[in-house]
N, C-alpha and C. Protein backbone atom coordinates (compact mmCIF):
# COMPACT_ATOMS: atom_id res chain seq x y z
N MET A 1 0.85 -1.18 0.00
CA MET A 1 0.00 0.00 0.00
C MET A 1 0.90 1.25 0.00
N PRO A 2 0.69 2.16 -0.94
CA PRO A 2 1.54 3.36 -0.98
C PRO A 2 1.21 4.33 0.15
N MET A 3 2.14 5.23 0.41
CA MET A 3 1.92 6.27 1.41
C MET A 3 0.63 7.01 1.06
N PRO A 4 -0.26 7.21 2.04
CA PRO A 4 -1.52 7.88 1.73
C PRO A 4 -1.30 9.31 1.26
N GLY A 5 -2.06 9.69 0.24
CA GLY A 5 -1.96 11.03 -0.32
C GLY A 5 -3.03 11.95 0.24
N VAL A 6 -2.98 13.19 -0.16
CA VAL A 6 -3.95 14.19 0.29
C VAL A 6 -5.35 13.73 -0.09
N GLY A 7 -6.27 13.79 0.88
CA GLY A 7 -7.65 13.39 0.68
C GLY A 7 -7.93 11.94 1.03
N GLU A 8 -6.89 11.14 1.17
CA GLU A 8 -7.06 9.73 1.51
C GLU A 8 -7.11 9.55 3.03
N GLU A 9 -7.68 8.42 3.45
CA GLU A 9 -7.73 8.13 4.88
C GLU A 9 -6.37 7.65 5.37
N ALA A 10 -5.97 8.14 6.52
CA ALA A 10 -4.71 7.72 7.14
C ALA A 10 -4.94 6.43 7.91
N PRO A 11 -4.11 5.43 7.72
CA PRO A 11 -4.24 4.21 8.52
C PRO A 11 -4.01 4.54 10.01
N ASP A 12 -4.88 4.02 10.85
CA ASP A 12 -4.73 4.24 12.29
C ASP A 12 -3.60 3.36 12.81
N PHE A 13 -3.03 3.77 13.90
CA PHE A 13 -1.98 2.97 14.53
C PHE A 13 -1.91 3.31 16.00
N GLU A 14 -1.23 2.45 16.73
CA GLU A 14 -1.00 2.63 18.16
C GLU A 14 0.45 2.23 18.41
N LEU A 15 1.22 3.15 19.00
CA LEU A 15 2.64 2.89 19.27
C LEU A 15 3.02 3.43 20.64
N PRO A 16 4.05 2.85 21.25
CA PRO A 16 4.52 3.37 22.54
C PRO A 16 5.35 4.64 22.37
N GLU A 17 5.13 5.56 23.30
CA GLU A 17 5.89 6.80 23.37
C GLU A 17 7.10 6.56 24.26
N SER A 18 8.03 7.49 24.29
CA SER A 18 9.25 7.32 25.09
C SER A 18 8.95 7.07 26.56
N SER A 19 7.80 7.55 27.04
CA SER A 19 7.41 7.34 28.44
C SER A 19 6.78 5.96 28.65
N GLU A 20 6.65 5.19 27.57
CA GLU A 20 6.00 3.87 27.53
C GLU A 20 4.48 3.99 27.44
N GLU A 21 3.94 5.21 27.49
CA GLU A 21 2.50 5.41 27.27
C GLU A 21 2.20 5.10 25.81
N THR A 22 1.07 4.43 25.57
CA THR A 22 0.68 4.10 24.20
C THR A 22 -0.15 5.24 23.63
N ILE A 23 0.16 5.63 22.41
CA ILE A 23 -0.57 6.71 21.74
C ILE A 23 -1.20 6.15 20.48
N ARG A 24 -2.50 6.44 20.31
CA ARG A 24 -3.25 6.02 19.11
C ARG A 24 -3.51 7.26 18.26
N LEU A 25 -3.21 7.15 16.97
CA LEU A 25 -3.38 8.29 16.07
C LEU A 25 -4.81 8.82 16.08
N SER A 26 -5.81 7.95 16.01
CA SER A 26 -7.21 8.41 15.95
C SER A 26 -7.60 9.16 17.22
N ASP A 27 -7.07 8.78 18.37
CA ASP A 27 -7.36 9.51 19.62
C ASP A 27 -6.78 10.91 19.55
N GLU A 28 -5.58 11.04 19.01
CA GLU A 28 -4.95 12.36 18.88
C GLU A 28 -5.70 13.21 17.85
N ALA A 29 -6.10 12.60 16.75
CA ALA A 29 -6.78 13.34 15.67
C ALA A 29 -8.13 13.88 16.12
N ARG A 30 -8.81 13.19 17.02
CA ARG A 30 -10.10 13.69 17.53
C ARG A 30 -9.95 15.04 18.22
N LYS A 31 -8.76 15.32 18.74
CA LYS A 31 -8.51 16.58 19.45
C LYS A 31 -8.18 17.73 18.50
N GLY A 32 -7.83 17.41 17.26
CA GLY A 32 -7.44 18.43 16.28
C GLY A 32 -6.39 17.87 15.34
N PRO A 33 -5.95 18.67 14.39
CA PRO A 33 -4.98 18.19 13.40
C PRO A 33 -3.71 17.64 14.06
N VAL A 34 -3.16 16.61 13.43
CA VAL A 34 -1.93 15.98 13.94
C VAL A 34 -0.87 15.99 12.83
N ILE A 35 0.27 16.54 13.17
CA ILE A 35 1.44 16.45 12.28
C ILE A 35 2.16 15.16 12.66
N VAL A 36 2.31 14.27 11.70
CA VAL A 36 3.01 13.01 11.93
C VAL A 36 4.32 13.08 11.14
N ALA A 37 5.42 13.13 11.87
CA ALA A 37 6.74 13.26 11.24
C ALA A 37 7.50 11.95 11.39
N PHE A 38 7.71 11.26 10.29
CA PHE A 38 8.54 10.06 10.27
C PHE A 38 9.98 10.50 10.03
N TYR A 39 10.92 9.88 10.73
CA TYR A 39 12.33 10.24 10.54
C TYR A 39 13.19 8.98 10.69
N PRO A 40 14.40 8.98 10.10
CA PRO A 40 15.20 7.75 10.09
C PRO A 40 15.70 7.27 11.46
N THR A 41 16.30 8.16 12.26
CA THR A 41 16.92 7.65 13.48
C THR A 41 17.21 8.75 14.50
N ASP A 42 17.11 8.40 15.77
CA ASP A 42 17.55 9.29 16.83
C ASP A 42 19.05 9.53 16.67
N TRP A 43 19.50 10.66 17.11
CA TRP A 43 20.91 11.01 17.17
C TRP A 43 21.54 11.34 15.80
N GLY A 44 20.82 11.14 14.71
CA GLY A 44 21.36 11.49 13.39
C GLY A 44 21.47 13.00 13.24
N MET A 45 22.43 13.45 12.46
CA MET A 45 22.67 14.89 12.32
C MET A 45 21.46 15.62 11.73
N ILE A 46 20.93 15.12 10.63
CA ILE A 46 19.80 15.80 9.99
C ILE A 46 18.53 15.61 10.81
N CYS A 47 18.37 14.44 11.42
CA CYS A 47 17.21 14.20 12.30
C CYS A 47 17.24 15.16 13.48
N THR A 48 18.42 15.41 14.03
CA THR A 48 18.56 16.36 15.14
C THR A 48 18.17 17.76 14.68
N MET A 49 18.63 18.16 13.50
CA MET A 49 18.25 19.48 12.97
C MET A 49 16.74 19.57 12.78
N GLU A 50 16.14 18.50 12.28
CA GLU A 50 14.69 18.47 12.05
C GLU A 50 13.94 18.62 13.37
N MET A 51 14.32 17.86 14.39
CA MET A 51 13.61 17.93 15.67
C MET A 51 13.80 19.30 16.33
N LYS A 52 14.97 19.88 16.21
CA LYS A 52 15.19 21.22 16.76
C LYS A 52 14.30 22.24 16.06
N ARG A 53 14.15 22.09 14.76
CA ARG A 53 13.28 23.01 14.01
C ARG A 53 11.83 22.83 14.43
N PHE A 54 11.38 21.57 14.59
CA PHE A 54 10.02 21.33 15.06
C PHE A 54 9.82 21.91 16.46
N MET A 55 10.83 21.80 17.31
CA MET A 55 10.72 22.36 18.67
C MET A 55 10.46 23.86 18.61
N LYS A 56 11.07 24.56 17.67
CA LYS A 56 10.84 26.00 17.53
C LYS A 56 9.42 26.30 17.08
N MET A 57 8.73 25.31 16.50
CA MET A 57 7.38 25.48 15.98
C MET A 57 6.30 25.05 16.97
N VAL A 58 6.67 24.40 18.06
CA VAL A 58 5.69 23.79 18.96
C VAL A 58 4.65 24.78 19.45
N ASP A 59 5.06 25.97 19.86
CA ASP A 59 4.08 26.95 20.36
C ASP A 59 3.08 27.32 19.27
N ASP A 60 3.55 27.55 18.06
CA ASP A 60 2.64 27.88 16.95
C ASP A 60 1.72 26.71 16.62
N ILE A 61 2.24 25.51 16.68
CA ILE A 61 1.43 24.31 16.43
C ILE A 61 0.33 24.21 17.48
N GLU A 62 0.68 24.39 18.74
CA GLU A 62 -0.31 24.29 19.81
C GLU A 62 -1.34 25.41 19.73
N ARG A 63 -0.91 26.62 19.33
CA ARG A 63 -1.86 27.73 19.16
C ARG A 63 -2.88 27.43 18.06
N ALA A 64 -2.50 26.60 17.11
CA ALA A 64 -3.40 26.19 16.03
C ALA A 64 -4.24 24.98 16.45
N ASN A 65 -4.23 24.65 17.74
CA ASN A 65 -4.97 23.51 18.29
C ASN A 65 -4.56 22.20 17.62
N ALA A 66 -3.30 22.11 17.26
CA ALA A 66 -2.78 20.90 16.62
C ALA A 66 -1.73 20.27 17.53
N ARG A 67 -1.31 19.09 17.17
CA ARG A 67 -0.25 18.41 17.92
C ARG A 67 0.73 17.79 16.94
N LEU A 68 1.88 17.49 17.46
CA LEU A 68 2.97 16.93 16.66
C LEU A 68 3.42 15.64 17.31
N ILE A 69 3.56 14.60 16.50
CA ILE A 69 4.17 13.36 16.97
C ILE A 69 5.22 12.96 15.93
N ALA A 70 6.30 12.36 16.40
CA ALA A 70 7.37 11.92 15.50
C ALA A 70 7.58 10.42 15.71
N ILE A 71 7.91 9.73 14.63
CA ILE A 71 8.02 8.27 14.65
C ILE A 71 9.33 7.83 14.01
N SER A 72 10.00 6.90 14.68
CA SER A 72 11.16 6.22 14.08
C SER A 72 11.19 4.79 14.60
N ALA A 73 12.13 4.02 14.08
CA ALA A 73 12.28 2.63 14.50
C ALA A 73 13.11 2.48 15.78
N ASN A 74 13.56 3.59 16.35
CA ASN A 74 14.36 3.52 17.58
C ASN A 74 13.51 3.03 18.76
N THR A 75 14.17 2.54 19.78
CA THR A 75 13.49 2.04 20.98
C THR A 75 13.01 3.21 21.85
N THR A 76 12.11 2.90 22.77
CA THR A 76 11.64 3.93 23.70
C THR A 76 12.79 4.43 24.58
N ILE A 77 13.74 3.57 24.89
CA ILE A 77 14.90 3.98 25.71
C ILE A 77 15.73 5.01 24.95
N SER A 78 16.00 4.75 23.69
CA SER A 78 16.75 5.70 22.86
C SER A 78 15.99 7.02 22.77
N HIS A 79 14.67 6.93 22.56
CA HIS A 79 13.84 8.14 22.49
C HIS A 79 13.93 8.96 23.78
N ARG A 80 13.84 8.29 24.92
CA ARG A 80 13.91 9.01 26.21
C ARG A 80 15.22 9.77 26.34
N MET A 81 16.31 9.11 26.01
CA MET A 81 17.63 9.74 26.14
C MET A 81 17.76 10.91 25.17
N TRP A 82 17.30 10.73 23.94
CA TRP A 82 17.41 11.77 22.92
C TRP A 82 16.52 12.97 23.26
N LYS A 83 15.30 12.67 23.78
CA LYS A 83 14.40 13.75 24.19
C LYS A 83 15.04 14.59 25.29
N MET A 84 15.64 13.93 26.27
CA MET A 84 16.30 14.66 27.36
C MET A 84 17.46 15.48 26.82
N HIS A 85 18.25 14.90 25.95
CA HIS A 85 19.42 15.57 25.38
C HIS A 85 19.03 16.83 24.61
N LEU A 86 17.95 16.74 23.81
CA LEU A 86 17.54 17.87 22.98
C LEU A 86 16.47 18.76 23.61
N GLY A 87 15.86 18.28 24.70
CA GLY A 87 14.77 19.04 25.32
C GLY A 87 13.48 18.96 24.51
N ILE A 88 13.27 17.85 23.82
CA ILE A 88 12.06 17.66 23.00
C ILE A 88 10.86 17.50 23.92
N THR A 89 9.78 18.22 23.60
CA THR A 89 8.57 18.18 24.43
C THR A 89 7.41 17.44 23.77
N PHE A 90 7.53 17.10 22.50
CA PHE A 90 6.44 16.39 21.82
C PHE A 90 6.74 14.89 21.82
N PRO A 91 5.72 14.06 21.62
CA PRO A 91 5.92 12.61 21.68
C PRO A 91 6.81 12.06 20.57
N LEU A 92 7.71 11.16 20.95
CA LEU A 92 8.50 10.38 20.00
C LEU A 92 7.99 8.94 20.12
N LEU A 93 7.41 8.43 19.06
CA LEU A 93 6.84 7.09 19.09
C LEU A 93 7.83 6.08 18.53
N SER A 94 7.81 4.91 19.14
CA SER A 94 8.76 3.85 18.80
C SER A 94 8.08 2.76 17.96
N ASP A 95 8.66 2.49 16.80
CA ASP A 95 8.17 1.44 15.89
C ASP A 95 9.34 0.52 15.53
N PRO A 96 9.90 -0.20 16.54
CA PRO A 96 11.12 -0.98 16.30
C PRO A 96 10.96 -2.11 15.29
N ASP A 97 9.75 -2.63 15.14
CA ASP A 97 9.53 -3.69 14.15
C ASP A 97 9.20 -3.12 12.77
N GLY A 98 8.97 -1.80 12.72
CA GLY A 98 8.68 -1.14 11.45
C GLY A 98 7.30 -1.38 10.89
N ASP A 99 6.37 -1.86 11.71
CA ASP A 99 5.03 -2.18 11.20
C ASP A 99 4.31 -0.94 10.66
N VAL A 100 4.33 0.15 11.42
CA VAL A 100 3.65 1.37 10.98
C VAL A 100 4.43 2.01 9.83
N ILE A 101 5.74 1.99 9.93
CA ILE A 101 6.58 2.53 8.86
C ILE A 101 6.26 1.83 7.54
N ARG A 102 6.11 0.50 7.58
CA ARG A 102 5.75 -0.26 6.37
C ARG A 102 4.31 0.04 5.95
N GLN A 103 3.41 0.17 6.93
CA GLN A 103 2.00 0.45 6.64
C GLN A 103 1.88 1.76 5.85
N TYR A 104 2.76 2.70 6.12
CA TYR A 104 2.76 3.99 5.42
C TYR A 104 3.73 3.98 4.23
N ASP A 105 4.29 2.83 3.91
CA ASP A 105 5.20 2.65 2.78
C ASP A 105 6.40 3.59 2.85
N LEU A 106 7.03 3.65 4.02
CA LEU A 106 8.15 4.57 4.23
C LEU A 106 9.45 3.86 4.61
N MET A 107 9.48 2.55 4.52
CA MET A 107 10.69 1.80 4.88
C MET A 107 11.78 2.04 3.84
N ILE A 108 12.96 2.37 4.32
CA ILE A 108 14.11 2.57 3.44
C ILE A 108 14.55 1.21 2.90
N GLY A 109 14.96 1.15 1.66
CA GLY A 109 15.32 -0.09 0.98
C GLY A 109 16.48 -0.84 1.62
N GLU A 110 16.52 -2.12 1.37
CA GLU A 110 17.52 -3.01 1.97
C GLU A 110 18.95 -2.72 1.53
N THR A 111 19.13 -2.05 0.42
CA THR A 111 20.49 -1.78 -0.06
C THR A 111 21.05 -0.47 0.50
N ASP A 112 20.23 0.30 1.18
CA ASP A 112 20.64 1.60 1.71
C ASP A 112 21.33 1.44 3.07
N LEU A 113 22.20 2.37 3.38
CA LEU A 113 22.88 2.40 4.68
C LEU A 113 21.89 2.43 5.84
N LEU A 114 20.75 3.11 5.64
CA LEU A 114 19.74 3.25 6.70
C LEU A 114 18.63 2.19 6.58
N ARG A 115 18.93 1.06 5.96
CA ARG A 115 17.90 0.02 5.79
C ARG A 115 17.27 -0.33 7.14
N GLY A 116 15.98 -0.65 7.08
CA GLY A 116 15.25 -0.98 8.29
C GLY A 116 14.76 0.24 9.04
N ARG A 117 14.96 1.41 8.45
CA ARG A 117 14.54 2.68 9.07
C ARG A 117 13.50 3.35 8.17
N SER A 118 12.86 4.36 8.72
CA SER A 118 11.90 5.14 7.95
C SER A 118 12.62 6.20 7.14
N THR A 119 12.11 6.47 5.96
CA THR A 119 12.58 7.65 5.26
C THR A 119 11.91 8.86 5.92
N ARG A 120 12.40 10.04 5.66
CA ARG A 120 11.83 11.25 6.24
C ARG A 120 10.53 11.58 5.51
N ALA A 121 9.47 11.80 6.26
CA ALA A 121 8.16 12.12 5.67
C ALA A 121 7.33 12.86 6.70
N VAL A 122 6.40 13.67 6.21
CA VAL A 122 5.48 14.39 7.10
C VAL A 122 4.08 14.30 6.51
N LEU A 123 3.13 13.96 7.38
CA LEU A 123 1.72 13.99 7.00
C LEU A 123 0.99 14.85 8.02
N ILE A 124 -0.08 15.49 7.58
CA ILE A 124 -0.96 16.20 8.50
C ILE A 124 -2.32 15.52 8.37
N ILE A 125 -2.82 15.05 9.51
CA ILE A 125 -4.06 14.28 9.57
C ILE A 125 -5.12 15.14 10.26
N ASP A 126 -6.33 15.21 9.67
CA ASP A 126 -7.39 16.01 10.29
C ASP A 126 -8.25 15.14 11.22
N LYS A 127 -9.29 15.76 11.79
CA LYS A 127 -10.15 15.07 12.76
C LYS A 127 -10.86 13.85 12.17
N GLN A 128 -11.08 13.87 10.87
CA GLN A 128 -11.75 12.75 10.20
C GLN A 128 -10.76 11.68 9.73
N MET A 129 -9.49 11.81 10.16
CA MET A 129 -8.42 10.87 9.78
C MET A 129 -8.09 10.96 8.29
N LYS A 130 -8.39 12.11 7.68
CA LYS A 130 -8.03 12.34 6.28
C LYS A 130 -6.68 13.05 6.23
N VAL A 131 -5.88 12.68 5.24
CA VAL A 131 -4.58 13.31 5.03
C VAL A 131 -4.82 14.67 4.37
N ARG A 132 -4.31 15.72 5.00
CA ARG A 132 -4.46 17.08 4.46
C ARG A 132 -3.14 17.60 3.89
N TYR A 133 -2.05 16.91 4.19
CA TYR A 133 -0.72 17.28 3.68
C TYR A 133 0.11 16.01 3.68
N SER A 134 0.88 15.82 2.63
CA SER A 134 1.71 14.62 2.52
C SER A 134 3.00 14.98 1.79
N TRP A 135 4.13 14.70 2.45
CA TRP A 135 5.44 14.97 1.86
C TRP A 135 6.37 13.82 2.22
N LYS A 136 7.11 13.36 1.22
CA LYS A 136 8.09 12.30 1.42
C LYS A 136 9.41 12.77 0.82
N ALA A 137 10.47 12.69 1.60
CA ALA A 137 11.78 13.15 1.15
C ALA A 137 12.26 12.32 -0.03
N PRO A 138 12.78 12.97 -1.07
CA PRO A 138 13.34 12.21 -2.19
C PRO A 138 14.58 11.41 -1.77
N ASP A 139 15.24 11.87 -0.71
CA ASP A 139 16.31 11.11 -0.08
C ASP A 139 16.36 11.55 1.39
N PRO A 140 16.90 10.70 2.28
CA PRO A 140 16.83 10.98 3.72
C PRO A 140 17.54 12.26 4.17
N SER A 141 18.36 12.84 3.31
CA SER A 141 19.07 14.05 3.72
C SER A 141 18.22 15.31 3.57
N ARG A 142 17.08 15.21 2.92
CA ARG A 142 16.22 16.37 2.69
C ARG A 142 15.31 16.61 3.88
N GLN A 143 15.03 17.88 4.16
CA GLN A 143 14.12 18.26 5.23
C GLN A 143 12.83 18.80 4.64
N PRO A 144 11.74 18.73 5.41
CA PRO A 144 10.46 19.23 4.91
C PRO A 144 10.43 20.76 4.86
N ASP A 145 9.40 21.29 4.22
CA ASP A 145 9.17 22.74 4.19
C ASP A 145 8.37 23.09 5.45
N TYR A 146 9.07 23.52 6.48
CA TYR A 146 8.45 23.78 7.78
C TYR A 146 7.41 24.89 7.70
N ASP A 147 7.65 25.92 6.91
CA ASP A 147 6.68 27.01 6.77
C ASP A 147 5.39 26.50 6.14
N GLU A 148 5.51 25.63 5.16
CA GLU A 148 4.32 25.06 4.52
C GLU A 148 3.53 24.21 5.51
N ILE A 149 4.23 23.42 6.31
CA ILE A 149 3.56 22.59 7.32
C ILE A 149 2.76 23.46 8.27
N LEU A 150 3.39 24.51 8.77
CA LEU A 150 2.71 25.42 9.70
C LEU A 150 1.52 26.11 9.03
N SER A 151 1.66 26.48 7.79
CA SER A 151 0.58 27.13 7.05
C SER A 151 -0.62 26.19 6.90
N VAL A 152 -0.38 24.93 6.58
CA VAL A 152 -1.47 23.96 6.44
C VAL A 152 -2.17 23.76 7.78
N VAL A 153 -1.39 23.60 8.85
CA VAL A 153 -1.98 23.40 10.18
C VAL A 153 -2.82 24.61 10.58
N LYS A 154 -2.31 25.80 10.36
CA LYS A 154 -3.07 27.01 10.70
C LYS A 154 -4.35 27.09 9.88
N GLY A 155 -4.32 26.62 8.64
CA GLY A 155 -5.51 26.62 7.79
C GLY A 155 -6.57 25.65 8.26
N LEU A 156 -6.20 24.65 9.03
CA LEU A 156 -7.15 23.68 9.57
C LEU A 156 -7.69 24.11 10.92
N SER A 157 -7.11 25.15 11.47
CA SER A 157 -7.50 25.64 12.79
C SER A 157 -8.88 26.28 12.73
N PRO A 158 -9.74 26.02 13.73
CA PRO A 158 -11.09 26.60 13.72
C PRO A 158 -11.08 28.11 13.87
């Protein structure tokens, strides 16, 4: 199944957060738009830059009555340590078996250095679980258009 595009329904999922609390996408979406950021790995240079940039956006995201969650194949222990190191305040969800990453068709190929990891991608999911924004990096070194993400989220705000 390909990564869901704009207007398509987002597959629901439930994954553990760094605190070991389980988070379900549909529960978060009922509260308002959800930015779902898939990234290759904790501690990576570009992933660190991405999370720092998202941290600068958190207040604006929350003012738009939206939330941000990030997903990688790292363990909850790795997430906890990385969150503390960077001061990340939004949930980092752990998908060590890659089930959700595969469900969204974001698994990096077996011949790549980052095999078994997610490629970088961002989706914005609305209250009806419809995809309102979908971006997939042409290669893992690319970052999303943060201004565009914020603009879409603000446009979904009541």
